[in-house]
PDB file of all heavy atoms in Angstrom:
ATOM      1  N   GLN A   1       3.015  45.138 -90.433  1.00  0.00           N
ATOM      2  CA  GLN A   1       3.777  45.423 -89.223  1.00  0.00           C
ATOM      3  C   GLN A   1       2.921  45.097 -88.001  1.00  0.00           C
ATOM      4  O   GLN A   1       1.692  45.118 -88.065  1.00  0.00           O
ATOM      5  CB  GLN A   1       4.171  46.905 -89.171  1.00  0.00           C
ATOM      6  CG  GLN A   1       4.890  47.396 -90.408  1.00  0.00           C
ATOM      7  CD  GLN A   1       6.340  47.014 -90.437  1.00  0.00           C
ATOM      8  OE1 GLN A   1       7.108  47.362 -89.542  1.00  0.00           O
ATOM      9  NE2 GLN A   1       6.745  46.301 -91.479  1.00  0.00           N
ATOM     10  N   GLU A   2       3.567  44.832 -86.898  1.00  0.00           N
ATOM     11  CA  GLU A   2       2.804  44.560 -85.683  1.00  0.00           C
ATOM     12  C   GLU A   2       2.050  45.798 -85.208  1.00  0.00           C
ATOM     13  O   GLU A   2       0.940  45.702 -84.692  1.00  0.00           O
ATOM     14  CB  GLU A   2       3.734  44.031 -84.587  1.00  0.00           C
ATOM     15  CG  GLU A   2       4.299  42.653 -84.907  1.00  0.00           C
ATOM     16  CD  GLU A   2       5.174  42.102 -83.797  1.00  0.00           C
ATOM     17  OE1 GLU A   2       4.877  42.371 -82.615  1.00  0.00           O
ATOM     18  OE2 GLU A   2       6.162  41.417 -84.098  1.00  0.00           O
ATOM     19  N   LYS A   3       2.666  46.981 -85.377  1.00  0.00           N
ATOM     20  CA  LYS A   3       2.004  48.236 -85.017  1.00  0.00           C
ATOM     21  C   LYS A   3       2.129  49.185 -86.198  1.00  0.00           C
ATOM     22  O   LYS A   3       3.226  49.540 -86.606  1.00  0.00           O
ATOM     23  CB  LYS A   3       2.631  48.852 -83.772  1.00  0.00           C
ATOM     24  CG  LYS A   3       2.388  48.044 -82.510  1.00  0.00           C
ATOM     25  CD  LYS A   3       2.893  48.762 -81.267  1.00  0.00           C
ATOM     26  CE  LYS A   3       2.568  47.950 -80.017  1.00  0.00           C
ATOM     27  NZ  LYS A   3       3.025  48.635 -78.777  1.00  0.00           N
ATOM     28  N   ILE A   4       0.973  49.587 -86.748  1.00  0.00           N
ATOM     29  CA  ILE A   4       0.976  50.468 -87.914  1.00  0.00           C
ATOM     30  C   ILE A   4      -0.374  51.160 -88.008  1.00  0.00           C
ATOM     31  O   ILE A   4      -1.415  50.556 -87.744  1.00  0.00           O
ATOM     32  CB  ILE A   4       1.279  49.673 -89.211  1.00  0.00           C
ATOM     33  CG1 ILE A   4       1.402  50.611 -90.411  1.00  0.00           C
ATOM     34  CG2 ILE A   4       0.243  48.581 -89.446  1.00  0.00           C
ATOM     35  CD1 ILE A   4       1.908  49.936 -91.679  1.00  0.00           C
ATOM     36  N   GLY A   5      -0.355  52.439 -88.338  1.00  0.00           N
ATOM     37  CA  GLY A   5      -1.590  53.177 -88.576  1.00  0.00           C
ATOM     38  C   GLY A   5      -2.563  53.181 -87.419  1.00  0.00           C
ATOM     39  O   GLY A   5      -3.778  53.207 -87.626  1.00  0.00           O
ATOM     40  N   GLY A   6      -2.041  53.131 -86.198  1.00  0.00           N
ATOM     41  CA  GLY A   6      -2.915  53.173 -85.032  1.00  0.00           C
ATOM     42  C   GLY A   6      -3.534  51.849 -84.650  1.00  0.00           C
ATOM     43  O   GLY A   6      -4.395  51.802 -83.762  1.00  0.00           O
ATOM     44  N   VAL A   7      -3.119  50.742 -85.272  1.00  0.00           N
ATOM     45  CA  VAL A   7      -3.646  49.429 -84.910  1.00  0.00           C
ATOM     46  C   VAL A   7      -2.493  48.502 -84.539  1.00  0.00           C
ATOM     47  O   VAL A   7      -1.355  48.701 -84.956  1.00  0.00           O
ATOM     48  CB  VAL A   7      -4.474  48.799 -86.060  1.00  0.00           C
ATOM     49  CG1 VAL A   7      -5.571  49.746 -86.499  1.00  0.00           C
ATOM     50  CG2 VAL A   7      -3.591  48.439 -87.240  1.00  0.00           C
ATOM     51  N   THR A   8      -2.800  47.490 -83.743  1.00  0.00           N
ATOM     52  CA  THR A   8      -1.836  46.459 -83.360  1.00  0.00           C
ATOM     53  C   THR A   8      -2.333  45.124 -83.879  1.00  0.00           C
ATOM     54  O   THR A   8      -3.479  44.742 -83.625  1.00  0.00           O
ATOM     55  CB  THR A   8      -1.679  46.401 -81.831  1.00  0.00           C
ATOM     56  OG1 THR A   8      -1.205  47.671 -81.359  1.00  0.00           O
ATOM     57  CG2 THR A   8      -0.676  45.318 -81.433  1.00  0.00           C
ATOM     58  N   LEU A   9      -1.484  44.436 -84.629  1.00  0.00           N
ATOM     59  CA  LEU A   9      -1.851  43.157 -85.227  1.00  0.00           C
ATOM     60  C   LEU A   9      -1.127  42.021 -84.533  1.00  0.00           C
ATOM     61  O   LEU A   9       0.032  42.170 -84.122  1.00  0.00           O
ATOM     62  CB  LEU A   9      -1.513  43.165 -86.725  1.00  0.00           C
ATOM     63  CG  LEU A   9      -2.220  44.243 -87.545  1.00  0.00           C
ATOM     64  CD1 LEU A   9      -1.713  44.251 -88.980  1.00  0.00           C
ATOM     65  CD2 LEU A   9      -3.736  44.041 -87.520  1.00  0.00           C
ATOM     66  N   GLN A  10      -1.808  40.896 -84.411  1.00  0.00           N
ATOM     67  CA  GLN A  10      -1.260  39.730 -83.720  1.00  0.00           C
ATOM     68  C   GLN A  10      -0.622  38.761 -84.706  1.00  0.00           C
ATOM     69  O   GLN A  10      -1.143  38.518 -85.799  1.00  0.00           O
ATOM     70  CB  GLN A  10      -2.373  39.004 -82.940  1.00  0.00           C
ATOM     71  CG  GLN A  10      -3.093  39.886 -81.926  1.00  0.00           C
ATOM     72  CD  GLN A  10      -2.156  40.447 -80.884  1.00  0.00           C
ATOM     73  OE1 GLN A  10      -1.312  39.731 -80.341  1.00  0.00           O
ATOM     74  NE2 GLN A  10      -2.303  41.738 -80.597  1.00  0.00           N
ATOM     75  N   LYS A  11       0.506  38.203 -84.301  1.00  0.00           N
ATOM     76  CA  LYS A  11       1.183  37.200 -85.119  1.00  0.00           C
ATOM     77  C   LYS A  11       0.404  35.884 -85.083  1.00  0.00           C
ATOM     78  O   LYS A  11      -0.358  35.631 -84.146  1.00  0.00           O
ATOM     79  CB  LYS A  11       2.607  36.987 -84.591  1.00  0.00           C
ATOM     80  CG  LYS A  11       3.506  38.202 -84.730  1.00  0.00           C
ATOM     81  CD  LYS A  11       4.893  37.964 -84.155  1.00  0.00           C
ATOM     82  CE  LYS A  11       4.863  37.974 -82.629  1.00  0.00           C
ATOM     83  NZ  LYS A  11       6.226  37.972 -82.057  1.00  0.00           N
ATOM     84  N   PRO A  12       0.594  35.014 -86.070  1.00  0.00           N
ATOM     85  CA  PRO A  12      -0.094  33.710 -86.058  1.00  0.00           C
ATOM     86  C   PRO A  12       0.391  32.857 -84.895  1.00  0.00           C
ATOM     87  O   PRO A  12       1.498  33.059 -84.368  1.00  0.00           O
ATOM     88  CB  PRO A  12       0.296  33.093 -87.406  1.00  0.00           C
ATOM     89  CG  PRO A  12       1.547  33.789 -87.808  1.00  0.00           C
ATOM     90  CD  PRO A  12       1.429  35.185 -87.281  1.00  0.00           C
ATOM     91  N   ASP A  13      -0.418  31.893 -84.494  1.00  0.00           N
ATOM     92  CA  ASP A  13      -0.078  31.039 -83.350  1.00  0.00           C
ATOM     93  C   ASP A  13       1.270  30.357 -83.533  1.00  0.00           C
ATOM     94  O   ASP A  13       2.047  30.233 -82.579  1.00  0.00           O
ATOM     95  CB  ASP A  13      -1.169  29.976 -83.144  1.00  0.00           C
ATOM     96  CG  ASP A  13      -2.470  30.580 -82.633  1.00  0.00           C
ATOM     97  OD1 ASP A  13      -2.438  31.728 -82.147  1.00  0.00           O
ATOM     98  OD2 ASP A  13      -3.513  29.910 -82.742  1.00  0.00           O
ATOM     99  N   TYR A  14       1.567  29.915 -84.766  1.00  0.00           N
ATOM    100  CA  TYR A  14       2.794  29.142 -84.960  1.00  0.00           C
ATOM    101  C   TYR A  14       4.055  29.980 -84.752  1.00  0.00           C
ATOM    102  O   TYR A  14       5.148  29.444 -84.610  1.00  0.00           O
ATOM    103  CB  TYR A  14       2.809  28.450 -86.323  1.00  0.00           C
ATOM    104  CG  TYR A  14       2.607  29.319 -87.540  1.00  0.00           C
ATOM    105  CD1 TYR A  14       3.563  30.254 -87.951  1.00  0.00           C
ATOM    106  CD2 TYR A  14       1.464  29.176 -88.327  1.00  0.00           C
ATOM    107  CE1 TYR A  14       3.390  31.025 -89.087  1.00  0.00           C
ATOM    108  CE2 TYR A  14       1.280  29.942 -89.474  1.00  0.00           C
ATOM    109  CZ  TYR A  14       2.236  30.867 -89.842  1.00  0.00           C
ATOM    110  OH  TYR A  14       2.060  31.621 -90.970  1.00  0.00           O
ATOM    111  N   ALA A  15       3.906  31.319 -84.715  1.00  0.00           N
ATOM    112  CA  ALA A  15       5.069  32.166 -84.433  1.00  0.00           C
ATOM    113  C   ALA A  15       5.584  31.921 -83.016  1.00  0.00           C
ATOM    114  O   ALA A  15       6.771  32.130 -82.736  1.00  0.00           O
ATOM    115  CB  ALA A  15       4.713  33.632 -84.615  1.00  0.00           C
ATOM    116  N   GLY A  16       4.694  31.477 -82.126  1.00  0.00           N
ATOM    117  CA  GLY A  16       5.079  31.232 -80.739  1.00  0.00           C
ATOM    118  C   GLY A  16       5.449  29.789 -80.443  1.00  0.00           C
ATOM    119  O   GLY A  16       5.788  29.452 -79.306  1.00  0.00           O
ATOM    120  N   TRP A  17       5.380  28.922 -81.454  1.00  0.00           N
ATOM    121  CA  TRP A  17       5.756  27.528 -81.236  1.00  0.00           C
ATOM    122  C   TRP A  17       7.265  27.405 -81.007  1.00  0.00           C
ATOM    123  O   TRP A  17       8.053  28.211 -81.551  1.00  0.00           O
ATOM    124  CB  TRP A  17       5.409  26.678 -82.454  1.00  0.00           C
ATOM    125  CG  TRP A  17       3.948  26.487 -82.722  1.00  0.00           C
ATOM    126  CD1 TRP A  17       2.894  26.892 -81.960  1.00  0.00           C
ATOM    127  CD2 TRP A  17       3.392  25.832 -83.870  1.00  0.00           C
ATOM    128  NE1 TRP A  17       1.715  26.542 -82.551  1.00  0.00           N
ATOM    129  CE2 TRP A  17       1.989  25.882 -83.722  1.00  0.00           C
ATOM    130  CE3 TRP A  17       3.931  25.220 -84.992  1.00  0.00           C
ATOM    131  CZ2 TRP A  17       1.121  25.337 -84.661  1.00  0.00           C
ATOM    132  CZ3 TRP A  17       3.073  24.674 -85.933  1.00  0.00           C
ATOM    133  CH2 TRP A  17       1.691  24.727 -85.762  1.00  0.00           C
ATOM    134  N   PRO A  18       7.688  26.383 -80.276  1.00  0.00           N
ATOM    135  CA  PRO A  18       9.123  26.084 -80.216  1.00  0.00           C
ATOM    136  C   PRO A  18       9.640  25.730 -81.604  1.00  0.00           C
ATOM    137  O   PRO A  18       8.899  25.218 -82.455  1.00  0.00           O
ATOM    138  CB  PRO A  18       9.196  24.866 -79.277  1.00  0.00           C
ATOM    139  CG  PRO A  18       7.915  24.885 -78.510  1.00  0.00           C
ATOM    140  CD  PRO A  18       6.886  25.489 -79.424  1.00  0.00           C
ATOM    141  N   ARG A  19      10.898  26.003 -81.834  1.00  0.00           N
ATOM    142  CA  ARG A  19      11.509  25.752 -83.142  1.00  0.00           C
ATOM    143  C   ARG A  19      11.305  24.305 -83.586  1.00  0.00           C
ATOM    144  O   ARG A  19      10.981  24.031 -84.749  1.00  0.00           O
ATOM    145  CB  ARG A  19      13.001  26.084 -83.061  1.00  0.00           C
ATOM    146  CG  ARG A  19      13.810  25.732 -84.293  1.00  0.00           C
ATOM    147  CD  ARG A  19      15.264  26.142 -84.102  1.00  0.00           C
ATOM    148  NE  ARG A  19      16.101  25.679 -85.204  1.00  0.00           N
ATOM    149  CZ  ARG A  19      16.647  24.469 -85.263  1.00  0.00           C
ATOM    150  NH1 ARG A  19      16.445  23.601 -84.282  1.00  0.00           N
ATOM    151  NH2 ARG A  19      17.400  24.119 -86.302  1.00  0.00           N
ATOM    152  N   GLU A  20      11.455  23.359 -82.667  1.00  0.00           N
ATOM    153  CA  GLU A  20      11.336  21.944 -83.004  1.00  0.00           C
ATOM    154  C   GLU A  20       9.930  21.602 -83.495  1.00  0.00           C
ATOM    155  O   GLU A  20       9.754  20.804 -84.411  1.00  0.00           O
ATOM    156  CB  GLU A  20      11.683  21.070 -81.787  1.00  0.00           C
ATOM    157  CG  GLU A  20      13.130  21.141 -81.365  1.00  0.00           C
ATOM    158  CD  GLU A  20      13.477  22.448 -80.634  1.00  0.00           C
ATOM    159  OE1 GLU A  20      12.532  23.153 -80.202  1.00  0.00           O
ATOM    160  OE2 GLU A  20      14.684  22.760 -80.523  1.00  0.00           O
ATOM    161  N   LYS A  21       8.930  22.223 -82.879  1.00  0.00           N
ATOM    162  CA  LYS A  21       7.549  21.960 -83.291  1.00  0.00           C
ATOM    163  C   LYS A  21       7.297  22.494 -84.694  1.00  0.00           C
ATOM    164  O   LYS A  21       6.622  21.837 -85.517  1.00  0.00           O
ATOM    165  CB  LYS A  21       6.567  22.590 -82.299  1.00  0.00           C
ATOM    166  CG  LYS A  21       5.101  22.324 -82.649  1.00  0.00           C
ATOM    167  CD  LYS A  21       4.156  22.912 -81.609  1.00  0.00           C
ATOM    168  CE  LYS A  21       2.698  22.648 -81.994  1.00  0.00           C
ATOM    169  NZ  LYS A  21       1.748  23.212 -80.993  1.00  0.00           N
ATOM    170  N   ARG A  22       7.839  23.675 -84.998  1.00  0.00           N
ATOM    171  CA  ARG A  22       7.658  24.239 -86.337  1.00  0.00           C
ATOM    172  C   ARG A  22       8.296  23.345 -87.393  1.00  0.00           C
ATOM    173  O   ARG A  22       7.724  23.105 -88.463  1.00  0.00           O
ATOM    174  CB  ARG A  22       8.239  25.661 -86.407  1.00  0.00           C
ATOM    175  CG  ARG A  22       7.408  26.714 -85.699  1.00  0.00           C
ATOM    176  CD  ARG A  22       7.710  28.113 -86.205  1.00  0.00           C
ATOM    177  NE  ARG A  22       9.056  28.545 -85.876  1.00  0.00           N
ATOM    178  CZ  ARG A  22       9.377  29.280 -84.805  1.00  0.00           C
ATOM    179  NH1 ARG A  22       8.429  29.660 -83.960  1.00  0.00           N
ATOM    180  NH2 ARG A  22      10.625  29.634 -84.596  1.00  0.00           N
ATOM    181  N   ILE A  23       9.499  22.845 -87.101  1.00  0.00           N
ATOM    182  CA  ILE A  23      10.193  21.991 -88.066  1.00  0.00           C
ATOM    183  C   ILE A  23       9.450  20.676 -88.265  1.00  0.00           C
ATOM    184  O   ILE A  23       9.300  20.186 -89.393  1.00  0.00           O
ATOM    185  CB  ILE A  23      11.640  21.747 -87.616  1.00  0.00           C
ATOM    186  CG1 ILE A  23      12.429  23.064 -87.681  1.00  0.00           C
ATOM    187  CG2 ILE A  23      12.312  20.689 -88.486  1.00  0.00           C
ATOM    188  CD1 ILE A  23      13.810  22.975 -87.105  1.00  0.00           C
ATOM    189  N   THR A  24       8.948  20.083 -87.178  1.00  0.00           N
ATOM    190  CA  THR A  24       8.183  18.836 -87.272  1.00  0.00           C
ATOM    191  C   THR A  24       6.944  19.024 -88.131  1.00  0.00           C
ATOM    192  O   THR A  24       6.635  18.191 -88.998  1.00  0.00           O
ATOM    193  CB  THR A  24       7.777  18.357 -85.864  1.00  0.00           C
ATOM    194  OG1 THR A  24       8.948  18.093 -85.092  1.00  0.00           O
ATOM    195  CG2 THR A  24       6.929  17.093 -85.945  1.00  0.00           C
ATOM    196  N   GLU A  25       6.235  20.136 -87.904  1.00  0.00           N
ATOM    197  CA  GLU A  25       5.029  20.410 -88.688  1.00  0.00           C
ATOM    198  C   GLU A  25       5.389  20.658 -90.151  1.00  0.00           C
ATOM    199  O   GLU A  25       4.674  20.220 -91.057  1.00  0.00           O
ATOM    200  CB  GLU A  25       4.300  21.620 -88.112  1.00  0.00           C
ATOM    201  CG  GLU A  25       2.997  21.977 -88.820  1.00  0.00           C
ATOM    202  CD  GLU A  25       1.949  20.879 -88.742  1.00  0.00           C
ATOM    203  OE1 GLU A  25       1.997  20.055 -87.808  1.00  0.00           O
ATOM    204  OE2 GLU A  25       1.071  20.843 -89.644  1.00  0.00           O
ATOM    205  N   ALA A  26       6.508  21.340 -90.396  1.00  0.00           N
ATOM    206  CA  ALA A  26       6.942  21.608 -91.763  1.00  0.00           C
ATOM    207  C   ALA A  26       7.231  20.306 -92.505  1.00  0.00           C
ATOM    208  O   ALA A  26       6.861  20.146 -93.677  1.00  0.00           O
ATOM    209  CB  ALA A  26       8.180  22.506 -91.756  1.00  0.00           C
ATOM    210  N   LYS A  27       7.878  19.365 -91.847  1.00  0.00           N
ATOM    211  CA  LYS A  27       8.180  18.070 -92.473  1.00  0.00           C
ATOM    212  C   LYS A  27       6.897  17.317 -92.813  1.00  0.00           C
ATOM    213  O   LYS A  27       6.800  16.687 -93.872  1.00  0.00           O
ATOM    214  CB  LYS A  27       9.058  17.240 -91.546  1.00  0.00           C
ATOM    215  CG  LYS A  27      10.488  17.742 -91.420  1.00  0.00           C
ATOM    216  CD  LYS A  27      11.290  16.884 -90.461  1.00  0.00           C
ATOM    217  CE  LYS A  27      12.740  17.323 -90.370  1.00  0.00           C
ATOM    218  NZ  LYS A  27      13.511  16.517 -89.383  1.00  0.00           N
ATOM    219  N   LYS A  28       5.907  17.400 -91.942  1.00  0.00           N
ATOM    220  CA  LYS A  28       4.626  16.742 -92.203  1.00  0.00           C
ATOM    221  C   LYS A  28       3.967  17.333 -93.447  1.00  0.00           C
ATOM    222  O   LYS A  28       3.442  16.607 -94.304  1.00  0.00           O
ATOM    223  CB  LYS A  28       3.693  16.915 -90.996  1.00  0.00           C
ATOM    224  CG  LYS A  28       4.057  16.090 -89.774  1.00  0.00           C
ATOM    225  CD  LYS A  28       3.041  16.339 -88.670  1.00  0.00           C
ATOM    226  CE  LYS A  28       3.398  15.574 -87.407  1.00  0.00           C
ATOM    227  NZ  LYS A  28       2.434  15.875 -86.300  1.00  0.00           N
ATOM    228  N   LEU A  29       3.984  18.658 -93.541  1.00  0.00           N
ATOM    229  CA  LEU A  29       3.357  19.319 -94.682  1.00  0.00           C
ATOM    230  C   LEU A  29       4.057  18.955 -95.989  1.00  0.00           C
ATOM    231  O   LEU A  29       3.396  18.705 -97.011  1.00  0.00           O
ATOM    232  CB  LEU A  29       3.378  20.840 -94.479  1.00  0.00           C
ATOM    233  CG  LEU A  29       2.460  21.375 -93.369  1.00  0.00           C
ATOM    234  CD1 LEU A  29       2.763  22.845 -93.090  1.00  0.00           C
ATOM    235  CD2 LEU A  29       0.992  21.210 -93.758  1.00  0.00           C
ATOM    236  N   LEU A  30       5.386  18.910 -95.964  1.00  0.00           N
ATOM    237  CA  LEU A  30       6.121  18.522 -97.171  1.00  0.00           C
ATOM    238  C   LEU A  30       5.799  17.087 -97.569  1.00  0.00           C
ATOM    239  O   LEU A  30       5.629  16.779 -98.758  1.00  0.00           O
ATOM    240  CB  LEU A  30       7.627  18.687 -96.953  1.00  0.00           C
ATOM    241  CG  LEU A  30       8.205  20.091 -97.072  1.00  0.00           C
ATOM    242  CD1 LEU A  30       9.709  20.059 -96.863  1.00  0.00           C
ATOM    243  CD2 LEU A  30       7.881  20.708 -98.434  1.00  0.00           C
ATOM    244  N   ALA A  31       5.726  16.196 -96.573  1.00  0.00           N
ATOM    245  CA  ALA A  31       5.412  14.799 -96.856  1.00  0.00           C
ATOM    246  C   ALA A  31       4.023  14.666 -97.467  1.00  0.00           C
ATOM    247  O   ALA A  31       3.805  13.901 -98.421  1.00  0.00           O
ATOM    248  CB  ALA A  31       5.522  13.967 -95.583  1.00  0.00           C
ATOM    249  N   GLN A  32       3.054  15.439 -96.937  1.00  0.00           N
ATOM    250  CA  GLN A  32       1.701  15.416 -97.482  1.00  0.00           C
ATOM    251  C   GLN A  32       1.680  15.899 -98.941  1.00  0.00           C
ATOM    252  O   GLN A  32       0.860  15.446 -99.747  1.00  0.00           O
ATOM    253  CB  GLN A  32       0.780  16.301 -96.635  1.00  0.00           C
ATOM    254  CG  GLN A  32       0.509  15.756 -95.244  1.00  0.00           C
ATOM    255  CD  GLN A  32      -0.212  16.759 -94.357  1.00  0.00           C
ATOM    256  OE1 GLN A  32      -0.669  17.810 -94.827  1.00  0.00           O
ATOM    257  NE2 GLN A  32      -0.297  16.471 -93.064  1.00  0.00           N
ATOM    258  N   ALA A  33       2.596  16.807 -99.251  1.00  0.00           N
ATOM    259  CA  ALA A  33       2.679  17.341-100.618  1.00  0.00           C
ATOM    260  C   ALA A  33       3.513  16.457-101.532  1.00  0.00           C
ATOM    261  O   ALA A  33       3.671  16.762-102.721  1.00  0.00           O
ATOM    262  CB  ALA A  33       3.255  18.748-100.593  1.00  0.00           C
ATOM    263  N   GLY A  34       4.080  15.347-100.986  1.00  0.00           N
ATOM    264  CA  GLY A  34       4.808  14.394-101.811  1.00  0.00           C
ATOM    265  C   GLY A  34       6.318  14.534-101.802  1.00  0.00           C
ATOM    266  O   GLY A  34       6.995  13.934-102.641  1.00  0.00           O
ATOM    267  N   PHE A  35       6.850  15.300-100.839  1.00  0.00           N
ATOM    268  CA  PHE A  35       8.297  15.505-100.784  1.00  0.00           C
ATOM    269  C   PHE A  35       8.873  14.854 -99.532  1.00  0.00           C
ATOM    270  O   PHE A  35       8.462  15.158 -98.412  1.00  0.00           O
ATOM    271  CB  PHE A  35       8.630  16.998-100.819  1.00  0.00           C
ATOM    272  CG  PHE A  35       8.215  17.659-102.102  1.00  0.00           C
ATOM    273  CD1 PHE A  35       7.049  18.413-102.161  1.00  0.00           C
ATOM    274  CD2 PHE A  35       8.961  17.496-103.261  1.00  0.00           C
ATOM    275  CE1 PHE A  35       6.649  19.008-103.342  1.00  0.00           C
ATOM    276  CE2 PHE A  35       8.570  18.085-104.447  1.00  0.00           C
ATOM    277  CZ  PHE A  35       7.405  18.845-104.490  1.00  0.00           C
ATOM    278  N   THR A  36       9.811  13.930 -99.756  1.00  0.00           N
ATOM    279  CA  THR A  36      10.430  13.168 -98.668  1.00  0.00           C
ATOM    280  C   THR A  36      11.935  13.167 -98.860  1.00  0.00           C
ATOM    281  O   THR A  36      12.462  13.769 -99.807  1.00  0.00           O
ATOM    282  CB  THR A  36       9.909  11.726 -98.685  1.00  0.00           C
ATOM    283  OG1 THR A  36      10.286  11.125 -99.936  1.00  0.00           O
ATOM    284  CG2 THR A  36       8.390  11.668 -98.529  1.00  0.00           C
ATOM    285  N   ALA A  37      12.640  12.447 -97.967  1.00  0.00           N
ATOM    286  CA  ALA A  37      14.099  12.347 -98.092  1.00  0.00           C
ATOM    287  C   ALA A  37      14.484  11.707 -99.419  1.00  0.00           C
ATOM    288  O   ALA A  37      15.499  12.058-100.024  1.00  0.00           O
ATOM    289  CB  ALA A  37      14.665  11.546 -96.921  1.00  0.00           C
ATOM    290  N   GLY A  38      13.671  10.764 -99.887  1.00  0.00           N
ATOM    291  CA  GLY A  38      13.949  10.113-101.162  1.00  0.00           C
ATOM    292  C   GLY A  38      13.509  10.929-102.365  1.00  0.00           C
ATOM    293  O   GLY A  38      13.924  10.663-103.493  1.00  0.00           O
TER     294      GLY A  38
END
């Protein structure tokens, strides 16, 4: 949780990215792993 047990935790940087940037990065990662449209 963001706030639990008296501490506050920060979300990862990509949580603040625009949706389009997250999707672009996701496609790159899939391509690197061998998954494409084909």
